[in-house]
């Protein structure tokens, strides 16, 4: 049937080797893909946790700064209005008609 059985054996061995390596490589790439996806999810969760932590603390710091600014404004208004320039404060009594 075949004139040269070694040529047929060579073709079969080449095709088998290519199929085996293809199967092996696809399995390896699937493992690498799963590893990358799981690692990226872990990194994503970690980054989100860190960002939320810092965001909470930044919100507290900014609210403290705003409170301090308002306190300084009130002090300045009190000092300016009561101590430095009391003549500015002139009240007129309201008289009901």
PDB file of N, CA and C in Angstrom:
ATOM      1  N   UNK A   1       0.835  -1.185   0.000  1.00  0.00           N
ATOM      2  CA  UNK A   1       0.000   0.000   0.000  1.00  0.00           C
ATOM      3  C   UNK A   1       0.883   1.253   0.000  1.00  0.00           C
ATOM      4  N   UNK A   2       1.708   1.414   0.999  1.00  0.00           N
ATOM      5  CA  UNK A   2       2.643   2.538   1.007  1.00  0.00           C
ATOM      6  C   UNK A   2       4.012   2.011   0.623  1.00  0.00           C
ATOM      7  N   UNK A   3       4.688   2.777  -0.213  1.00  0.00           N
ATOM      8  CA  UNK A   3       5.996   2.322  -0.682  1.00  0.00           C
ATOM      9  C   UNK A   3       7.075   2.467   0.381  1.00  0.00           C
ATOM     10  N   UNK A   4       6.974   3.541   1.167  1.00  0.00           N
ATOM     11  CA  UNK A   4       8.015   3.771   2.153  1.00  0.00           C
ATOM     12  C   UNK A   4       7.368   3.945   3.530  1.00  0.00           C
ATOM     13  N   UNK A   5       7.350   2.899   4.350  1.00  0.00           N
ATOM     14  CA  UNK A   5       6.702   3.004   5.662  1.00  0.00           C
ATOM     15  C   UNK A   5       7.422   3.967   6.607  1.00  0.00           C
ATOM     16  N   UNK A   6       8.700   4.222   6.420  1.00  0.00           N
ATOM     17  CA  UNK A   6       9.403   5.160   7.308  1.00  0.00           C
ATOM     18  C   UNK A   6       8.931   6.596   7.058  1.00  0.00           C
ATOM     19  N   UNK A   7       8.555   6.930   5.829  1.00  0.00           N
ATOM     20  CA  UNK A   7       8.043   8.275   5.534  1.00  0.00           C
ATOM     21  C   UNK A   7       6.682   8.460   6.204  1.00  0.00           C
ATOM     22  N   UNK A   8       5.861   7.433   6.164  1.00  0.00           N
ATOM     23  CA  UNK A   8       4.560   7.499   6.817  1.00  0.00           C
ATOM     24  C   UNK A   8       4.746   7.624   8.330  1.00  0.00           C
ATOM     25  N   UNK A   9       5.660   6.880   8.882  1.00  0.00           N
ATOM     26  CA  UNK A   9       5.929   6.952  10.318  1.00  0.00           C
ATOM     27  C   UNK A   9       6.455   8.336  10.697  1.00  0.00           C
ATOM     28  N   UNK A  10       7.267   8.920   9.849  1.00  0.00           N
ATOM     29  CA  UNK A  10       7.799  10.261  10.102  1.00  0.00           C
ATOM     30  C   UNK A  10       6.667  11.293  10.090  1.00  0.00           C
ATOM     31  N   UNK A  11       5.780  11.203   9.107  1.00  0.00           N
ATOM     32  CA  UNK A  11       4.649  12.136   9.022  1.00  0.00           C
ATOM     33  C   UNK A  11       3.747  11.974  10.238  1.00  0.00           C
ATOM     34  N   UNK A  12       3.459  10.745  10.615  1.00  0.00           N
ATOM     35  CA  UNK A  12       2.600  10.498  11.780  1.00  0.00           C
ATOM     36  C   UNK A  12       3.268  11.024  13.053  1.00  0.00           C
ATOM     37  N   UNK A  13       4.558  10.823  13.195  1.00  0.00           N
ATOM     38  CA  UNK A  13       5.253  11.303  14.391  1.00  0.00           C
ATOM     39  C   UNK A  13       5.291  12.837  14.423  1.00  0.00           C
ATOM     40  N   UNK A  14       5.462  13.477  13.270  1.00  0.00           N
ATOM     41  CA  UNK A  14       5.463  14.944  13.223  1.00  0.00           C
ATOM     42  C   UNK A  14       4.079  15.484  13.585  1.00  0.00           C
ATOM     43  N   UNK A  15       3.037  14.917  12.998  1.00  0.00           N
ATOM     44  CA  UNK A  15       1.679  15.361  13.283  1.00  0.00           C
ATOM     45  C   UNK A  15       1.350  15.109  14.756  1.00  0.00           C
ATOM     46  N   UNK A  16       1.743  13.970  15.281  1.00  0.00           N
ATOM     47  CA  UNK A  16       1.501  13.667  16.696  1.00  0.00           C
ATOM     48  C   UNK A  16       2.256  14.621  17.615  1.00  0.00           C
ATOM     49  N   UNK A  17       3.479  14.936  17.268  1.00  0.00           N
ATOM     50  CA  UNK A  17       4.270  15.870  18.075  1.00  0.00           C
ATOM     51  C   UNK A  17       3.647  17.257  18.067  1.00  0.00           C
ATOM     52  N   UNK A  18       3.210  17.711  16.905  1.00  0.00           N
ATOM     53  CA  UNK A  18       2.580  19.029  16.809  1.00  0.00           C
ATOM     54  C   UNK A  18       1.283  19.054  17.613  1.00  0.00           C
ATOM     55  N   UNK A  19       0.489  18.000  17.512  1.00  0.00           N
ATOM     56  CA  UNK A  19      -0.763  17.939  18.266  1.00  0.00           C
ATOM     57  C   UNK A  19      -0.486  17.906  19.771  1.00  0.00           C
ATOM     58  N   UNK A  20       0.500  17.109  20.177  1.00  0.00           N
ATOM     59  CA  UNK A  20       0.850  17.027  21.601  1.00  0.00           C
ATOM     60  C   UNK A  20       1.362  18.354  22.140  1.00  0.00           C
ATOM     61  N   UNK A  21       2.233  19.003  21.389  1.00  0.00           N
ATOM     62  CA  UNK A  21       2.743  20.301  21.835  1.00  0.00           C
ATOM     63  C   UNK A  21       1.640  21.361  21.845  1.00  0.00           C
ATOM     64  N   UNK A  22       0.762  21.293  20.863  1.00  0.00           N
ATOM     65  CA  UNK A  22      -0.367  22.234  20.844  1.00  0.00           C
ATOM     66  C   UNK A  22      -1.259  22.059  22.056  1.00  0.00           C
ATOM     67  N   UNK A  23      -1.550  20.822  22.394  1.00  0.00           N
ATOM     68  CA  UNK A  23      -2.373  20.543  23.573  1.00  0.00           C
ATOM     69  C   UNK A  23      -1.663  21.015  24.846  1.00  0.00           C
ATOM     70  N   UNK A  24      -0.357  20.715  24.945  1.00  0.00           N
ATOM     71  CA  UNK A  24       0.434  21.119  26.108  1.00  0.00           C
ATOM     72  C   UNK A  24       0.468  22.644  26.241  1.00  0.00           C
ATOM     73  N   UNK A  25       0.722  23.338  25.140  1.00  0.00           N
ATOM     74  CA  UNK A  25       0.796  24.805  25.175  1.00  0.00           C
ATOM     75  C   UNK A  25      -0.565  25.435  25.512  1.00  0.00           C
ATOM     76  N   UNK A  26      -1.642  24.869  24.997  1.00  0.00           N
ATOM     77  CA  UNK A  26      -2.957  25.430  25.310  1.00  0.00           C
ATOM     78  C   UNK A  26      -3.272  25.261  26.794  1.00  0.00           C
ATOM     79  N   UNK A  27      -2.865  24.111  27.349  1.00  0.00           N
ATOM     80  CA  UNK A  27      -3.068  23.894  28.779  1.00  0.00           C
ATOM     81  C   UNK A  27      -2.223  24.863  29.612  1.00  0.00           C
ATOM     82  N   UNK A  28      -0.965  25.075  29.199  1.00  0.00           N
ATOM     83  CA  UNK A  28      -0.094  26.011  29.907  1.00  0.00           C
ATOM     84  C   UNK A  28      -0.639  27.438  29.823  1.00  0.00           C
ATOM     85  N   UNK A  29      -1.103  27.839  28.665  1.00  0.00           N
ATOM     86  CA  UNK A  29      -1.657  29.184  28.512  1.00  0.00           C
ATOM     87  C   UNK A  29      -2.937  29.352  29.319  1.00  0.00           C
ATOM     88  N   UNK A  30      -3.728  28.309  29.427  1.00  0.00           N
ATOM     89  CA  UNK A  30      -4.939  28.383  30.245  1.00  0.00           C
ATOM     90  C   UNK A  30      -4.573  28.577  31.716  1.00  0.00           C
ATOM     91  N   UNK A  31      -3.528  27.886  32.184  1.00  0.00           N
ATOM     92  CA  UNK A  31      -3.079  28.057  33.569  1.00  0.00           C
ATOM     93  C   UNK A  31      -2.542  29.472  33.796  1.00  0.00           C
ATOM     94  N   UNK A  32      -1.784  29.973  32.838  1.00  0.00           N
ATOM     95  CA  UNK A  32      -1.241  31.325  32.958  1.00  0.00           C
ATOM     96  C   UNK A  32      -2.374  32.348  32.960  1.00  0.00           C
ATOM     97  N   UNK A  33      -3.362  32.156  32.097  1.00  0.00           N
ATOM     98  CA  UNK A  33      -4.497  33.076  32.036  1.00  0.00           C
ATOM     99  C   UNK A  33      -5.257  33.073  33.359  1.00  0.00           C
ATOM    100  N   UNK A  34      -5.498  31.911  33.929  1.00  0.00           N
ATOM    101  CA  UNK A  34      -6.183  31.824  35.219  1.00  0.00           C
ATOM    102  C   UNK A  34      -5.374  32.510  36.319  1.00  0.00           C
ATOM    103  N   UNK A  35      -4.053  32.316  36.294  1.00  0.00           N
ATOM    104  CA  UNK A  35      -3.180  32.947  37.279  1.00  0.00           C
ATOM    105  C   UNK A  35      -3.230  34.475  37.158  1.00  0.00           C
ATOM    106  N   UNK A  36      -3.168  34.968  35.931  1.00  0.00           N
ATOM    107  CA  UNK A  36      -3.196  36.414  35.713  1.00  0.00           C
ATOM    108  C   UNK A  36      -4.527  36.991  36.165  1.00  0.00           C
ATOM    109  N   UNK A  37      -5.633  36.341  35.844  1.00  0.00           N
ATOM    110  CA  UNK A  37      -6.941  36.837  36.249  1.00  0.00           C
ATOM    111  C   UNK A  37      -7.094  36.836  37.768  1.00  0.00           C
ATOM    112  N   UNK A  38      -6.668  35.756  38.416  1.00  0.00           N
ATOM    113  CA  UNK A  38      -6.806  35.711  39.879  1.00  0.00           C
ATOM    114  C   UNK A  38      -5.895  36.740  40.542  1.00  0.00           C
ATOM    115  N   UNK A  39      -4.691  36.920  40.026  1.00  0.00           N
ATOM    116  CA  UNK A  39      -3.775  37.911  40.584  1.00  0.00           C
ATOM    117  C   UNK A  39      -4.303  39.321  40.370  1.00  0.00           C
ATOM    118  N   UNK A  40      -4.845  39.586  39.190  1.00  0.00           N
ATOM    119  CA  UNK A  40      -5.376  40.922  38.932  1.00  0.00           C
ATOM    120  C   UNK A  40      -6.582  41.219  39.824  1.00  0.00           C
ATOM    121  N   UNK A  41      -7.407  40.236  40.104  1.00  0.00           N
ATOM    122  CA  UNK A  41      -8.534  40.439  41.018  1.00  0.00           C
ATOM    123  C   UNK A  41      -8.037  40.743  42.432  1.00  0.00           C
ATOM    124  N   UNK A  42      -6.998  40.020  42.863  1.00  0.00           N
ATOM    125  CA  UNK A  42      -6.436  40.262  44.192  1.00  0.00           C
ATOM    126  C   UNK A  42      -5.856  41.668  44.284  1.00  0.00           C
ATOM    127  N   UNK A  43      -5.124  42.072  43.255  1.00  0.00           N
ATOM    128  CA  UNK A  43      -4.537  43.411  43.232  1.00  0.00           C
ATOM    129  C   UNK A  43      -5.637  44.469  43.201  1.00  0.00           C
ATOM    130  N   UNK A  44      -6.675  44.216  42.424  1.00  0.00           N
ATOM    131  CA  UNK A  44      -7.798  45.163  42.336  1.00  0.00           C
ATOM    132  C   UNK A  44      -8.461  45.344  43.695  1.00  0.00           C
ATOM    133  N   UNK A  45      -8.721  44.249  44.400  1.00  0.00           N
ATOM    134  CA  UNK A  45      -9.342  44.341  45.722  1.00  0.00           C
ATOM    135  C   UNK A  45      -8.443  45.098  46.695  1.00  0.00           C
ATOM    136  N   UNK A  46      -7.159  44.805  46.645  1.00  0.00           N
ATOM    137  CA  UNK A  46      -6.214  45.472  47.536  1.00  0.00           C
ATOM    138  C   UNK A  46      -6.164  46.974  47.258  1.00  0.00           C
ATOM    139  N   UNK A  47      -6.118  47.349  45.997  1.00  0.00           N
ATOM    140  CA  UNK A  47      -6.069  48.762  45.635  1.00  0.00           C
ATOM    141  C   UNK A  47      -7.351  49.480  46.051  1.00  0.00           C
ATOM    142  N   UNK A  48      -8.494  48.846  45.860  1.00  0.00           N
ATOM    143  CA  UNK A  48      -9.766  49.458  46.244  1.00  0.00           C
ATOM    144  C   UNK A  48      -9.814  49.656  47.761  1.00  0.00           C
ATOM    145  N   UNK A  49      -9.363  48.665  48.526  1.00  0.00           N
ATOM    146  CA  UNK A  49      -9.335  48.796  49.982  1.00  0.00           C
ATOM    147  C   UNK A  49      -8.438  49.948  50.415  1.00  0.00           C
ATOM    148  N   UNK A  50      -7.257  50.055  49.804  1.00  0.00           N
ATOM    149  CA  UNK A  50      -6.329  51.127  50.169  1.00  0.00           C
ATOM    150  C   UNK A  50      -6.893  52.494  49.789  1.00  0.00           C
ATOM    151  N   UNK A  51      -7.512  52.592  48.611  1.00  0.00           N
ATOM    152  CA  UNK A  51      -8.094  53.863  48.195  1.00  0.00           C
ATOM    153  C   UNK A  51      -9.245  54.281  49.108  1.00  0.00           C
ATOM    154  N   UNK A  52     -10.089  53.336  49.487  1.00  0.00           N
ATOM    155  CA  UNK A  52     -11.194  53.655  50.391  1.00  0.00           C
ATOM    156  C   UNK A  52     -10.681  54.090  51.758  1.00  0.00           C
ATOM    157  N   UNK A  53      -9.643  53.418  52.243  1.00  0.00           N
ATOM    158  CA  UNK A  53      -9.050  53.782  53.532  1.00  0.00           C
ATOM    159  C   UNK A  53      -8.533  55.221  53.489  1.00  0.00           C
ATOM    160  N   UNK A  54      -7.753  55.525  52.451  1.00  0.00           N
ATOM    161  CA  UNK A  54      -7.183  56.866  52.346  1.00  0.00           C
ATOM    162  C   UNK A  54      -8.271  57.910  52.089  1.00  0.00           C
ATOM    163  N   UNK A  55      -9.294  57.547  51.351  1.00  0.00           N
ATOM    164  CA  UNK A  55     -10.382  58.475  51.087  1.00  0.00           C
ATOM    165  C   UNK A  55     -11.119  58.829  52.379  1.00  0.00           C
ATOM    166  N   UNK A  56     -11.369  57.823  53.216  1.00  0.00           N
ATOM    167  CA  UNK A  56     -12.025  58.092  54.500  1.00  0.00           C
ATOM    168  C   UNK A  56     -11.179  59.033  55.358  1.00  0.00           C
ATOM    169  N   UNK A  57      -9.873  58.766  55.416  1.00  0.00           N
ATOM    170  CA  UNK A  57      -9.009  59.603  56.237  1.00  0.00           C
ATOM    171  C   UNK A  57      -8.848  60.993  55.635  1.00  0.00           C
ATOM    172  N   UNK A  58      -8.807  61.088  54.306  1.00  0.00           N
ATOM    173  CA  UNK A  58      -8.731  62.402  53.671  1.00  0.00           C
ATOM    174  C   UNK A  58     -10.004  63.204  53.935  1.00  0.00           C
ATOM    175  N   UNK A  59     -11.162  62.543  53.893  1.00  0.00           N
ATOM    176  CA  UNK A  59     -12.404  63.240  54.186  1.00  0.00           C
ATOM    177  C   UNK A  59     -12.384  63.798  55.605  1.00  0.00           C
ATOM    178  N   UNK A  60     -11.884  63.002  56.542  1.00  0.00           N
ATOM    179  CA  UNK A  60     -11.809  63.471  57.931  1.00  0.00           C
ATOM    180  C   UNK A  60     -10.844  64.646  58.045  1.00  0.00           C
ATOM    181  N   UNK A  61      -9.694  64.548  57.390  1.00  0.00           N
ATOM    182  CA  UNK A  61      -8.718  65.637  57.454  1.00  0.00           C
ATOM    183  C   UNK A  61      -9.279  66.922  56.838  1.00  0.00           C
ATOM    184  N   UNK A  62      -9.940  66.793  55.683  1.00  0.00           N
ATOM    185  CA  UNK A  62     -10.500  67.977  55.036  1.00  0.00           C
ATOM    186  C   UNK A  62     -11.615  68.598  55.873  1.00  0.00           C
ATOM    187  N   UNK A  63     -12.427  67.765  56.499  1.00  0.00           N
ATOM    188  CA  UNK A  63     -13.481  68.325  57.356  1.00  0.00           C
ATOM    189  C   UNK A  63     -12.861  69.016  58.573  1.00  0.00           C
ATOM    190  N   UNK A  64     -11.779  68.460  59.105  1.00  0.00           N
ATOM    191  CA  UNK A  64     -11.085  69.120  60.214  1.00  0.00           C
ATOM    192  C   UNK A  64     -10.505  70.464  59.779  1.00  0.00           C
ATOM    193  N   UNK A  65      -9.955  70.505  58.579  1.00  0.00           N
ATOM    194  CA  UNK A  65      -9.401  71.760  58.062  1.00  0.00           C
ATOM    195  C   UNK A  65     -10.504  72.795  57.884  1.00  0.00           C
ATOM    196  N   UNK A  66     -11.627  72.366  57.330  1.00  0.00           N
ATOM    197  CA  UNK A  66     -12.752  73.285  57.148  1.00  0.00           C
ATOM    198  C   UNK A  66     -13.233  73.802  58.501  1.00  0.00           C
ATOM    199  N   UNK A  67     -13.313  72.919  59.481  1.00  0.00           N
ATOM    200  CA  UNK A  67     -13.717  73.345  60.825  1.00  0.00           C
ATOM    201  C   UNK A  67     -12.717  74.353  61.402  1.00  0.00           C
ATOM    202  N   UNK A  68     -11.427  74.089  61.204  1.00  0.00           N
ATOM    203  CA  UNK A  68     -10.411  75.022  61.698  1.00  0.00           C
ATOM    204  C   UNK A  68     -10.518  76.376  61.004  1.00  0.00           C
ATOM    205  N   UNK A  69     -10.781  76.366  59.714  1.00  0.00           N
ATOM    206  CA  UNK A  69     -10.931  77.626  58.976  1.00  0.00           C
ATOM    207  C   UNK A  69     -12.126  78.413  59.505  1.00  0.00           C
ATOM    208  N   UNK A  70     -13.231  77.716  59.751  1.00  0.00           N
ATOM    209  CA  UNK A  70     -14.406  78.414  60.298  1.00  0.00           C
ATOM    210  C   UNK A  70     -14.113  78.964  61.690  1.00  0.00           C
ATOM    211  N   UNK A  71     -13.378  78.196  62.473  1.00  0.00           N
ATOM    212  CA  UNK A  71     -13.025  78.672  63.810  1.00  0.00           C
ATOM    213  C   UNK A  71     -12.147  79.914  63.725  1.00  0.00           C
ATOM    214  N   UNK A  72     -11.195  79.940  62.795  1.00  0.00           N
ATOM    215  CA  UNK A  72     -10.357  81.118  62.600  1.00  0.00           C
ATOM    216  C   UNK A  72     -11.185  82.308  62.127  1.00  0.00           C
ATOM    217  N   UNK A  73     -12.133  82.064  61.244  1.00  0.00           N
ATOM    218  CA  UNK A  73     -12.995  83.144  60.778  1.00  0.00           C
ATOM    219  C   UNK A  73     -13.820  83.724  61.925  1.00  0.00           C
ATOM    220  N   UNK A  74     -14.356  82.849  62.751  1.00  0.00           N
ATOM    221  CA  UNK A  74     -15.133  83.325  63.897  1.00  0.00           C
ATOM    222  C   UNK A  74     -14.264  84.118  64.864  1.00  0.00           C
ATOM    223  N   UNK A  75     -13.058  83.629  65.119  1.00  0.00           N
ATOM    224  CA  UNK A  75     -12.154  84.359  66.006  1.00  0.00           C
ATOM    225  C   UNK A  75     -11.814  85.725  65.432  1.00  0.00           C
ATOM    226  N   UNK A  76     -11.515  85.732  64.145  1.00  0.00           N
ATOM    227  CA  UNK A  76     -11.159  86.994  63.504  1.00  0.00           C
ATOM    228  C   UNK A  76     -12.335  87.959  63.540  1.00  0.00           C
ATOM    229  N   UNK A  77     -13.524  87.449  63.268  1.00  0.00           N
ATOM    230  CA  UNK A  77     -14.710  88.304  63.316  1.00  0.00           C
ATOM    231  C   UNK A  77     -14.941  88.824  64.729  1.00  0.00           C
ATOM    232  N   UNK A  78     -14.756  87.974  65.718  1.00  0.00           N
ATOM    233  CA  UNK A  78     -14.955  88.403  67.099  1.00  0.00           C
ATOM    234  C   UNK A  78     -13.921  89.438  67.501  1.00  0.00           C
ATOM    235  N   UNK A  79     -12.673  89.204  67.137  1.00  0.00           N
ATOM    236  CA  UNK A  79     -11.607  90.144  67.491  1.00  0.00           C
ATOM    237  C   UNK A  79     -11.827  91.467  66.761  1.00  0.00           C
ATOM    238  N   UNK A  80     -12.121  91.412  65.505  1.00  0.00           N
ATOM    239  CA  UNK A  80     -12.312  92.634  64.726  1.00  0.00           C
ATOM    240  C   UNK A  80     -13.555  93.398  65.175  1.00  0.00           C
ATOM    241  N   UNK A  81     -14.615  92.673  65.444  1.00  0.00           N
ATOM    242  CA  UNK A  81     -15.868  93.335  65.780  1.00  0.00           C
ATOM    243  C   UNK A  81     -15.954  93.812  67.211  1.00  0.00           C
ATOM    244  N   UNK A  82     -15.403  93.098  68.145  1.00  0.00           N
ATOM    245  CA  UNK A  82     -15.592  93.431  69.553  1.00  0.00           C
ATOM    246  C   UNK A  82     -14.416  94.196  70.157  1.00  0.00           C
ATOM    247  N   UNK A  83     -13.221  93.849  69.773  1.00  0.00           N
ATOM    248  CA  UNK A  83     -12.065  94.429  70.452  1.00  0.00           C
ATOM    249  C   UNK A  83     -11.466  95.593  69.656  1.00  0.00           C
ATOM    250  N   UNK A  84     -11.230  95.389  68.378  1.00  0.00           N
ATOM    251  CA  UNK A  84     -10.505  96.393  67.619  1.00  0.00           C
ATOM    252  C   UNK A  84     -11.373  97.581  67.206  1.00  0.00           C
ATOM    253  N   UNK A  85     -12.580  97.325  66.786  1.00  0.00           N
ATOM    254  CA  UNK A  85     -13.399  98.414  66.269  1.00  0.00           C
ATOM    255  C   UNK A  85     -14.807  98.367  66.857  1.00  0.00           C
ATOM    256  N   UNK A  86     -14.942  98.687  68.106  1.00  0.00           N
ATOM    257  CA  UNK A  86     -16.280  98.627  68.688  1.00  0.00           C
ATOM    258  C   UNK A  86     -17.200  99.720  68.161  1.00  0.00           C
ATOM    259  N   UNK A  87     -16.634 100.804  67.587  1.00  0.00           N
ATOM    260  CA  UNK A  87     -17.489 101.869  67.081  1.00  0.00           C
ATOM    261  C   UNK A  87     -18.265 101.443  65.841  1.00  0.00           C
ATOM    262  N   UNK A  88     -17.859 100.414  65.196  1.00  0.00           N
ATOM    263  CA  UNK A  88     -18.577  99.912  64.032  1.00  0.00           C
ATOM    264  C   UNK A  88     -19.914  99.295  64.423  1.00  0.00           C
ATOM    265  N   UNK A  89     -19.981  98.777  65.614  1.00  0.00           N
ATOM    266  CA  UNK A  89     -21.187  98.091  66.052  1.00  0.00           C
ATOM    267  C   UNK A  89     -22.148  99.137  66.600  1.00  0.00           C
ATOM    268  N   UNK A  90     -23.071  99.511  65.780  1.00  0.00           N
ATOM    269  CA  UNK A  90     -24.083 100.471  66.200  1.00  0.00           C
ATOM    270  C   UNK A  90     -25.430  99.828  65.957  1.00  0.00           C
ATOM    271  N   UNK A  91     -26.131  99.673  66.994  1.00  0.00           N
ATOM    272  CA  UNK A  91     -27.452  99.073  66.861  1.00  0.00           C
ATOM    273  C   UNK A  91     -28.500 100.120  67.083  1.00  0.00           C
ATOM    274  N   UNK A  92     -29.506 100.049  66.297  1.00  0.00           N
ATOM    275  CA  UNK A  92     -30.640 100.957  66.452  1.00  0.00           C
ATOM    276  C   UNK A  92     -31.804 100.138  66.962  1.00  0.00           C
ATOM    277  N   UNK A  93     -32.406 100.590  68.012  1.00  0.00           N
ATOM    278  CA  UNK A  93     -33.556  99.824  68.505  1.00  0.00           C
ATOM    279  C   UNK A  93     -34.707  99.946  67.519  1.00  0.00           C
ATOM    280  N   UNK A  94     -35.377  98.842  67.337  1.00  0.00           N
ATOM    281  CA  UNK A  94     -36.538  98.840  66.453  1.00  0.00           C
ATOM    282  C   UNK A  94     -37.737  99.346  67.207  1.00  0.00           C
ATOM    283  N   UNK A  95     -38.424 100.217  66.587  1.00  0.00           N
ATOM    284  CA  UNK A  95     -39.627 100.771  67.186  1.00  0.00           C
ATOM    285  C   UNK A  95     -40.802 100.306  66.338  1.00  0.00           C
ATOM    286  N   UNK A  96     -41.700  99.653  66.964  1.00  0.00           N
ATOM    287  CA  UNK A  96     -42.877  99.190  66.235  1.00  0.00           C
ATOM    288  C   UNK A  96     -43.804 100.370  65.983  1.00  0.00           C
ATOM    289  N   UNK A  97     -44.255 100.502  64.786  1.00  0.00           N
ATOM    290  CA  UNK A  97     -45.178 101.599  64.448  1.00  0.00           C
ATOM    291  C   UNK A  97     -46.589 101.239  64.746  1.00  0.00           C
TER     292      UNK A  97
END
